[in-house]
Amino acid sequence: MSNPSDPSEPPQALQSDLSPEAEMLHNILKLANRLMAPFSTFLAHEHRISLNEFRVLMQIGFYRSAASHELVELTGVNPMSISRAVATLEKNGRVVTVTDPANRRRKRLTLTAEGERLFRAMRPATNLVAEFLLSRLKPHERATLDHILRTLIATLEAKDEQGRSLFLENTRLDHQPEE
């Protein structure tokens, strides 16, 4: 039994009226928060980079170039946050916008030499986090997790006939479920 006056002991389990689905959502959010610890502990301050700048820089590095709208899709980050991250990365000399020779109206983002250096410096941390996170899973569990994650992402990205997000439409407090 835990002792509330001893902070070294975990608190007793609290009773909650959360549904099992809400409990899973909280676990997913906790997982996402925990995954950011190595970034904030080791990378953010050392490289003077925000989380969204890191996400953008890493995606451009992995794909060699990307348009801003592609970064929105790849990261799941909203367009305004992507725009701010790109602007800061450009200001800091980490990415540059180039015109696509095949389509002069299309702008692509690529890493500068400084961006490439930073990408190479941070990529091992990404691999270490992934390896540690999945280290206790057997191959079939990894495959199952990958399938579940892809299904959840597809659910969140689904659109109705008018192009509206089904997720946002169905999670509005004033939403009336169809009968």
Foldseek 3Di string as FASTA:
>chain_A
DDDVVDPVDDDDDDDDPDDPVVVVVVVVVVVVVVLCVCCVPPPCVVPVADPLLVQVLLVCVVVQKAALVVSCVVPVDDSVSSVVSVVVCVVVQFKDWDADPVHRVTIMIGGDPNSNVSNVVCVVVVVVSVCVVCVPPDPVRVVVVVVVVVVVVCLQCDADPVRHGPVVQVPDPPHDDDD
